[in-house]
Amino acid sequence: MLSETLTNELQRYAIGPRVRTLRLKKKLGLVQLGAHTGLSPAMLSKIERGQLFPTLPTLVRIAMVFGVGLDHFFAPEKDKPLVAVVRKGERIRLPVPAGDGPPAWLFESLDYPVADRRMEAFYAEFPADAPPSEPHRHGSAEFIYVLSGRLSVDVDGEESLLHPGDAMYFDSSVAHSYRREGAMACKALVVTAP
């Protein structure tokens, strides 16, 4: 049984309706498609109605009948603008670094459903007991907006102390690290560019 988050994520791709559209364009019935794929018409009907998510081998069988690649079922529709909504309850909180010790910060991706993102947005929390983060580098740019608490950001040896409402943009391809200041946890929005 799939979790609600996984079910919602799979439904976003609308694989069933895409299979149905391909079938109707070829003017095939479920029985005919079943004969070509070796799948039962009942199974194909459940897939089309979104009651069953096909495995990759099953999806490959269907794709081969219609002469499309697997990307047909996962690529965004070209005639629609890209829109992705990430509900608060769907986000997964991850520690950095992962492991047994206290994390330097926790983050939640705010835009994970979007493939080939031009930027990545995160909600970050630096707990009251968080150690300073290890210096790291990534991408080409980073933007931080502090929501609450205080955050010290070290970029290539130069520290900047940010208070609620402060924002900072910097070159993230150079070594940088974070340190929560004071007794309160710090919360921030972080946007990075690959």
C-alpha atoms as a PDB file:
ATOM      1  CA  MET A   1       0.000   0.000   0.000  1.00  0.00           C
ATOM      2  CA  LEU A   2       1.402   3.397  -0.987  1.00  0.00           C
ATOM      3  CA  SER A   3       1.543   6.335   1.407  1.00  0.00           C
ATOM      4  CA  GLU A   4      -0.679   9.328   0.730  1.00  0.00           C
ATOM      5  CA  THR A   5       2.376  11.401  -0.254  1.00  0.00           C
ATOM      6  CA  LEU A   6       3.524   8.813  -2.821  1.00  0.00           C
ATOM      7  CA  THR A   7      -0.017   8.400  -4.162  1.00  0.00           C
ATOM      8  CA  ASN A   8      -0.383  12.176  -4.593  1.00  0.00           C
ATOM      9  CA  GLU A   9       3.008  12.388  -6.289  1.00  0.00           C
ATOM     10  CA  LEU A  10       2.159   9.567  -8.723  1.00  0.00           C
ATOM     11  CA  GLN A  11      -1.261  11.092  -9.477  1.00  0.00           C
ATOM     12  CA  ARG A  12       0.460  14.336 -10.444  1.00  0.00           C
ATOM     13  CA  TYR A  13       1.909  12.581 -13.503  1.00  0.00           C
ATOM     14  CA  ALA A  14      -1.582  11.538 -14.694  1.00  0.00           C
ATOM     15  CA  ILE A  15      -0.230   8.302 -16.176  1.00  0.00           C
ATOM     16  CA  GLY A  16      -3.695   6.735 -16.435  1.00  0.00           C
ATOM     17  CA  PRO A  17      -5.233   9.602 -18.405  1.00  0.00           C
ATOM     18  CA  ARG A  18      -2.172   9.662 -20.677  1.00  0.00           C
ATOM     19  CA  VAL A  19      -2.597   5.922 -21.407  1.00  0.00           C
ATOM     20  CA  ARG A  20      -6.305   6.488 -22.129  1.00  0.00           C
ATOM     21  CA  THR A  21      -5.533   9.401 -24.488  1.00  0.00           C
ATOM     22  CA  LEU A  22      -3.030   7.270 -26.430  1.00  0.00           C
ATOM     23  CA  ARG A  23      -5.511   4.370 -26.615  1.00  0.00           C
ATOM     24  CA  LEU A  24      -8.347   6.555 -27.895  1.00  0.00           C
ATOM     25  CA  LYS A  25      -6.096   8.238 -30.489  1.00  0.00           C
ATOM     26  CA  LYS A  26      -5.296   4.772 -31.882  1.00  0.00           C
ATOM     27  CA  LYS A  27      -8.996   3.866 -31.664  1.00  0.00           C
ATOM     28  CA  LEU A  28      -8.263   0.779 -29.578  1.00  0.00           C
ATOM     29  CA  GLY A  29     -10.608  -0.781 -27.032  1.00  0.00           C
ATOM     30  CA  LEU A  30      -9.339  -2.100 -23.717  1.00  0.00           C
ATOM     31  CA  VAL A  31      -9.621  -5.684 -24.993  1.00  0.00           C
ATOM     32  CA  GLN A  32      -7.537  -4.837 -28.080  1.00  0.00           C
ATOM     33  CA  LEU A  33      -4.899  -3.037 -26.003  1.00  0.00           C
ATOM     34  CA  GLY A  34      -4.857  -6.024 -23.647  1.00  0.00           C
ATOM     35  CA  ALA A  35      -4.201  -8.356 -26.581  1.00  0.00           C
ATOM     36  CA  HIS A  36      -1.242  -6.202 -27.710  1.00  0.00           C
ATOM     37  CA  THR A  37       0.283  -5.812 -24.244  1.00  0.00           C
ATOM     38  CA  GLY A  38      -0.568  -9.150 -22.631  1.00  0.00           C
ATOM     39  CA  LEU A  39      -2.335  -7.268 -19.821  1.00  0.00           C
ATOM     40  CA  SER A  40      -5.927  -7.848 -18.765  1.00  0.00           C
ATOM     41  CA  PRO A  41      -8.556  -5.287 -19.807  1.00  0.00           C
ATOM     42  CA  ALA A  42      -9.535  -4.986 -16.110  1.00  0.00           C
ATOM     43  CA  MET A  43      -5.972  -4.028 -15.168  1.00  0.00           C
ATOM     44  CA  LEU A  44      -5.750  -1.534 -18.024  1.00  0.00           C
ATOM     45  CA  SER A  45      -9.070   0.007 -16.961  1.00  0.00           C
ATOM     46  CA  LYS A  46      -7.793   0.438 -13.381  1.00  0.00           C
ATOM     47  CA  ILE A  47      -4.598   2.054 -14.682  1.00  0.00           C
ATOM     48  CA  GLU A  48      -6.557   4.476 -16.878  1.00  0.00           C
ATOM     49  CA  ARG A  49      -8.843   5.443 -13.981  1.00  0.00           C
ATOM     50  CA  GLY A  50      -5.892   6.017 -11.627  1.00  0.00           C
ATOM     51  CA  GLN A  51      -6.895   3.170  -9.314  1.00  0.00           C
ATOM     52  CA  LEU A  52      -3.667   1.274 -10.043  1.00  0.00           C
ATOM     53  CA  PHE A  53      -0.191   2.609 -10.774  1.00  0.00           C
ATOM     54  CA  PRO A  54       1.661   0.469 -13.307  1.00  0.00           C
ATOM     55  CA  THR A  55       5.119  -0.935 -12.631  1.00  0.00           C
ATOM     56  CA  LEU A  56       7.850   0.165 -15.031  1.00  0.00           C
ATOM     57  CA  PRO A  57       7.821  -3.139 -16.981  1.00  0.00           C
ATOM     58  CA  THR A  58       4.035  -2.809 -17.388  1.00  0.00           C
ATOM     59  CA  LEU A  59       4.405   0.794 -18.520  1.00  0.00           C
ATOM     60  CA  VAL A  60       7.107  -0.236 -21.009  1.00  0.00           C
ATOM     61  CA  ARG A  61       4.698  -2.804 -22.528  1.00  0.00           C
ATOM     62  CA  ILE A  62       2.089  -0.072 -22.978  1.00  0.00           C
ATOM     63  CA  ALA A  63       4.635   2.442 -24.326  1.00  0.00           C
ATOM     64  CA  MET A  64       5.895  -0.053 -26.925  1.00  0.00           C
ATOM     65  CA  VAL A  65       2.374  -0.525 -28.319  1.00  0.00           C
ATOM     66  CA  PHE A  66       2.049   3.218 -28.899  1.00  0.00           C
ATOM     67  CA  GLY A  67       5.642   3.820 -30.021  1.00  0.00           C
ATOM     68  CA  VAL A  68       6.449   6.265 -27.241  1.00  0.00           C
ATOM     69  CA  GLY A  69       9.230   6.291 -24.661  1.00  0.00           C
ATOM     70  CA  LEU A  70       8.744   6.167 -20.902  1.00  0.00           C
ATOM     71  CA  ASP A  71       9.426   9.902 -20.812  1.00  0.00           C
ATOM     72  CA  HIS A  72       6.028  10.425 -22.487  1.00  0.00           C
ATOM     73  CA  PHE A  73       4.365   9.492 -19.191  1.00  0.00           C
ATOM     74  CA  PHE A  74       6.580  11.645 -16.986  1.00  0.00           C
ATOM     75  CA  ALA A  75       7.434  14.753 -19.029  1.00  0.00           C
ATOM     76  CA  PRO A  76       5.334  17.844 -18.382  1.00  0.00           C
ATOM     77  CA  GLU A  77       2.731  18.607 -21.005  1.00  0.00           C
ATOM     78  CA  LYS A  78       4.251  21.136 -23.365  1.00  0.00           C
ATOM     79  CA  ASP A  79       1.112  23.196 -23.902  1.00  0.00           C
ATOM     80  CA  LYS A  80       0.556  23.808 -20.186  1.00  0.00           C
ATOM     81  CA  PRO A  81       2.524  26.269 -18.044  1.00  0.00           C
ATOM     82  CA  LEU A  82       4.615  24.647 -15.319  1.00  0.00           C
ATOM     83  CA  VAL A  83       2.846  24.884 -11.980  1.00  0.00           C
ATOM     84  CA  ALA A  84       3.752  22.874  -8.884  1.00  0.00           C
ATOM     85  CA  VAL A  85       2.062  23.166  -5.502  1.00  0.00           C
ATOM     86  CA  VAL A  86       3.760  21.608  -2.485  1.00  0.00           C
ATOM     87  CA  ARG A  87       1.443  21.304   0.512  1.00  0.00           C
ATOM     88  CA  LYS A  88       2.904  21.670   3.989  1.00  0.00           C
ATOM     89  CA  GLY A  89       1.871  18.134   4.959  1.00  0.00           C
ATOM     90  CA  GLU A  90       3.567  16.629   1.869  1.00  0.00           C
ATOM     91  CA  ARG A  91       7.054  17.915   2.616  1.00  0.00           C
ATOM     92  CA  ILE A  92       9.703  15.695   4.146  1.00  0.00           C
ATOM     93  CA  ARG A  93      12.075  17.124   6.750  1.00  0.00           C
ATOM     94  CA  LEU A  94      15.694  16.015   6.333  1.00  0.00           C
ATOM     95  CA  PRO A  95      18.649  16.603   8.682  1.00  0.00           C
ATOM     96  CA  VAL A  96      22.071  17.883   7.589  1.00  0.00           C
ATOM     97  CA  PRO A  97      24.292  16.061   8.137  1.00  0.00           C
ATOM     98  CA  ALA A  98      22.309  12.834   8.114  1.00  0.00           C
ATOM     99  CA  GLY A  99      23.193  10.455  10.917  1.00  0.00           C
ATOM    100  CA  ASP A 100      22.960  10.004  14.647  1.00  0.00           C
ATOM    101  CA  GLY A 101      24.409  13.303  15.900  1.00  0.00           C
ATOM    102  CA  PRO A 102      22.479  16.551  16.240  1.00  0.00           C
ATOM    103  CA  PRO A 103      21.979  18.149  12.823  1.00  0.00           C
ATOM    104  CA  ALA A 104      23.378  21.592  11.991  1.00  0.00           C
ATOM    105  CA  TRP A 105      20.067  22.284  10.267  1.00  0.00           C
ATOM    106  CA  LEU A 106      16.889  20.618   9.014  1.00  0.00           C
ATOM    107  CA  PHE A 107      15.466  21.379   5.604  1.00  0.00           C
ATOM    108  CA  GLU A 108      12.320  20.802   3.588  1.00  0.00           C
ATOM    109  CA  SER A 109      12.297  21.148  -0.196  1.00  0.00           C
ATOM    110  CA  LEU A 110       9.608  23.603  -1.288  1.00  0.00           C
ATOM    111  CA  ASP A 111       9.775  22.703  -4.986  1.00  0.00           C
ATOM    112  CA  TYR A 112      10.730  18.993  -5.198  1.00  0.00           C
ATOM    113  CA  PRO A 113       8.065  17.990  -7.757  1.00  0.00           C
ATOM    114  CA  VAL A 114       9.642  20.144 -10.465  1.00  0.00           C
ATOM    115  CA  ALA A 115      12.186  18.344 -12.646  1.00  0.00           C
ATOM    116  CA  ASP A 116      15.142  20.282 -14.098  1.00  0.00           C
ATOM    117  CA  ARG A 117      14.660  23.213 -11.714  1.00  0.00           C
ATOM    118  CA  ARG A 118      16.468  26.464 -12.455  1.00  0.00           C
ATOM    119  CA  MET A 119      16.523  27.104  -8.725  1.00  0.00           C
ATOM    120  CA  GLU A 120      15.798  25.134  -5.566  1.00  0.00           C
ATOM    121  CA  ALA A 121      13.833  26.556  -2.640  1.00  0.00           C
ATOM    122  CA  PHE A 122      14.003  25.257   0.928  1.00  0.00           C
ATOM    123  CA  TYR A 123      12.539  25.953   4.325  1.00  0.00           C
ATOM    124  CA  ALA A 124      15.456  25.620   6.768  1.00  0.00           C
ATOM    125  CA  GLU A 125      15.447  25.367  10.528  1.00  0.00           C
ATOM    126  CA  PHE A 126      18.538  25.673  12.702  1.00  0.00           C
ATOM    127  CA  PRO A 127      17.536  24.105  16.069  1.00  0.00           C
ATOM    128  CA  ALA A 128      18.476  25.664  19.411  1.00  0.00           C
ATOM    129  CA  ASP A 129      20.992  22.851  20.078  1.00  0.00           C
ATOM    130  CA  ALA A 130      22.427  22.828  16.536  1.00  0.00           C
ATOM    131  CA  PRO A 131      26.197  22.763  16.067  1.00  0.00           C
ATOM    132  CA  PRO A 132      27.714  24.995  13.357  1.00  0.00           C
ATOM    133  CA  SER A 133      27.566  23.452   9.903  1.00  0.00           C
ATOM    134  CA  GLU A 134      30.614  22.175   8.095  1.00  0.00           C
ATOM    135  CA  PRO A 135      31.860  24.436   5.260  1.00  0.00           C
ATOM    136  CA  HIS A 136      30.441  23.309   1.924  1.00  0.00           C
ATOM    137  CA  ARG A 137      30.022  24.521  -1.670  1.00  0.00           C
ATOM    138  CA  HIS A 138      27.407  23.943  -4.334  1.00  0.00           C
ATOM    139  CA  GLY A 139      25.895  25.543  -7.407  1.00  0.00           C
ATOM    140  CA  SER A 140      26.491  29.150  -8.330  1.00  0.00           C
ATOM    141  CA  ALA A 141      24.328  31.310  -6.048  1.00  0.00           C
ATOM    142  CA  GLU A 142      22.399  31.207  -2.786  1.00  0.00           C
ATOM    143  CA  PHE A 143      19.815  33.523  -1.261  1.00  0.00           C
ATOM    144  CA  ILE A 144      18.783  33.411   2.423  1.00  0.00           C
ATOM    145  CA  TYR A 145      15.862  35.237   4.053  1.00  0.00           C
ATOM    146  CA  VAL A 146      15.675  34.917   7.868  1.00  0.00           C
ATOM    147  CA  LEU A 147      12.137  34.411   9.196  1.00  0.00           C
ATOM    148  CA  SER A 148      12.973  34.178  12.922  1.00  0.00           C
ATOM    149  CA  GLY A 149      16.012  33.918  15.186  1.00  0.00           C
ATOM    150  CA  ARG A 150      19.529  34.931  14.181  1.00  0.00           C
ATOM    151  CA  LEU A 151      21.863  33.240  11.730  1.00  0.00           C
ATOM    152  CA  SER A 152      25.571  33.795  11.174  1.00  0.00           C
ATOM    153  CA  VAL A 153      26.676  32.969   7.631  1.00  0.00           C
ATOM    154  CA  ASP A 154      30.383  32.547   6.891  1.00  0.00           C
ATOM    155  CA  VAL A 155      31.309  32.947   3.219  1.00  0.00           C
ATOM    156  CA  ASP A 156      34.976  32.343   2.484  1.00  0.00           C
ATOM    157  CA  GLY A 157      35.999  33.450   5.992  1.00  0.00           C
ATOM    158  CA  GLU A 158      33.792  36.555   6.162  1.00  0.00           C
ATOM    159  CA  GLU A 159      30.887  36.349   8.628  1.00  0.00           C
ATOM    160  CA  SER A 160      27.553  38.142   8.331  1.00  0.00           C
ATOM    161  CA  LEU A 161      24.986  38.097  11.145  1.00  0.00           C
ATOM    162  CA  LEU A 162      21.385  38.031   9.893  1.00  0.00           C
ATOM    163  CA  HIS A 163      18.330  39.003  11.978  1.00  0.00           C
ATOM    164  CA  PRO A 164      14.622  38.412  11.212  1.00  0.00           C
ATOM    165  CA  GLY A 165      13.753  40.130   7.940  1.00  0.00           C
ATOM    166  CA  ASP A 166      17.387  40.274   6.766  1.00  0.00           C
ATOM    167  CA  ALA A 167      18.327  38.748   3.426  1.00  0.00           C
ATOM    168  CA  MET A 168      21.648  37.711   1.931  1.00  0.00           C
ATOM    169  CA  TYR A 169      22.779  36.735  -1.563  1.00  0.00           C
ATOM    170  CA  PHE A 170      26.191  35.167  -2.146  1.00  0.00           C
ATOM    171  CA  ASP A 171      28.321  33.034  -4.455  1.00  0.00           C
ATOM    172  CA  SER A 172      27.728  29.495  -3.161  1.00  0.00           C
ATOM    173  CA  SER A 173      30.534  27.994  -5.255  1.00  0.00           C
ATOM    174  CA  VAL A 174      32.914  29.186  -2.503  1.00  0.00           C
ATOM    175  CA  ALA A 175      33.078  27.535   0.922  1.00  0.00           C
ATOM    176  CA  HIS A 176      30.318  28.699   3.261  1.00  0.00           C
ATOM    177  CA  SER A 177      28.750  27.590   6.531  1.00  0.00           C
ATOM    178  CA  TYR A 178      25.922  28.512   8.917  1.00  0.00           C
ATOM    179  CA  ARG A 179      25.769  28.990  12.674  1.00  0.00           C
ATOM    180  CA  ARG A 180      22.653  29.764  14.693  1.00  0.00           C
ATOM    181  CA  GLU A 181      23.217  32.677  17.107  1.00  0.00           C
ATOM    182  CA  GLY A 182      21.505  33.060  20.485  1.00  0.00           C
ATOM    183  CA  ALA A 183      19.249  30.688  22.419  1.00  0.00           C
ATOM    184  CA  MET A 184      16.354  30.566  19.931  1.00  0.00           C
ATOM    185  CA  ALA A 185      16.019  28.317  16.925  1.00  0.00           C
ATOM    186  CA  CYS A 186      16.428  30.096  13.611  1.00  0.00           C
ATOM    187  CA  LYS A 187      14.084  29.643  10.639  1.00  0.00           C
ATOM    188  CA  ALA A 188      14.875  30.786   7.101  1.00  0.00           C
ATOM    189  CA  LEU A 189      13.976  30.468   3.447  1.00  0.00           C
ATOM    190  CA  VAL A 190      16.924  29.397   1.318  1.00  0.00           C
ATOM    191  CA  VAL A 191      17.012  29.526  -2.485  1.00  0.00           C
ATOM    192  CA  THR A 192      19.925  28.066  -4.438  1.00  0.00           C
ATOM    193  CA  ALA A 193      20.813  28.103  -8.120  1.00  0.00           C
ATOM    194  CA  PRO A 194      22.542  25.071  -9.651  1.00  0.00           C
END
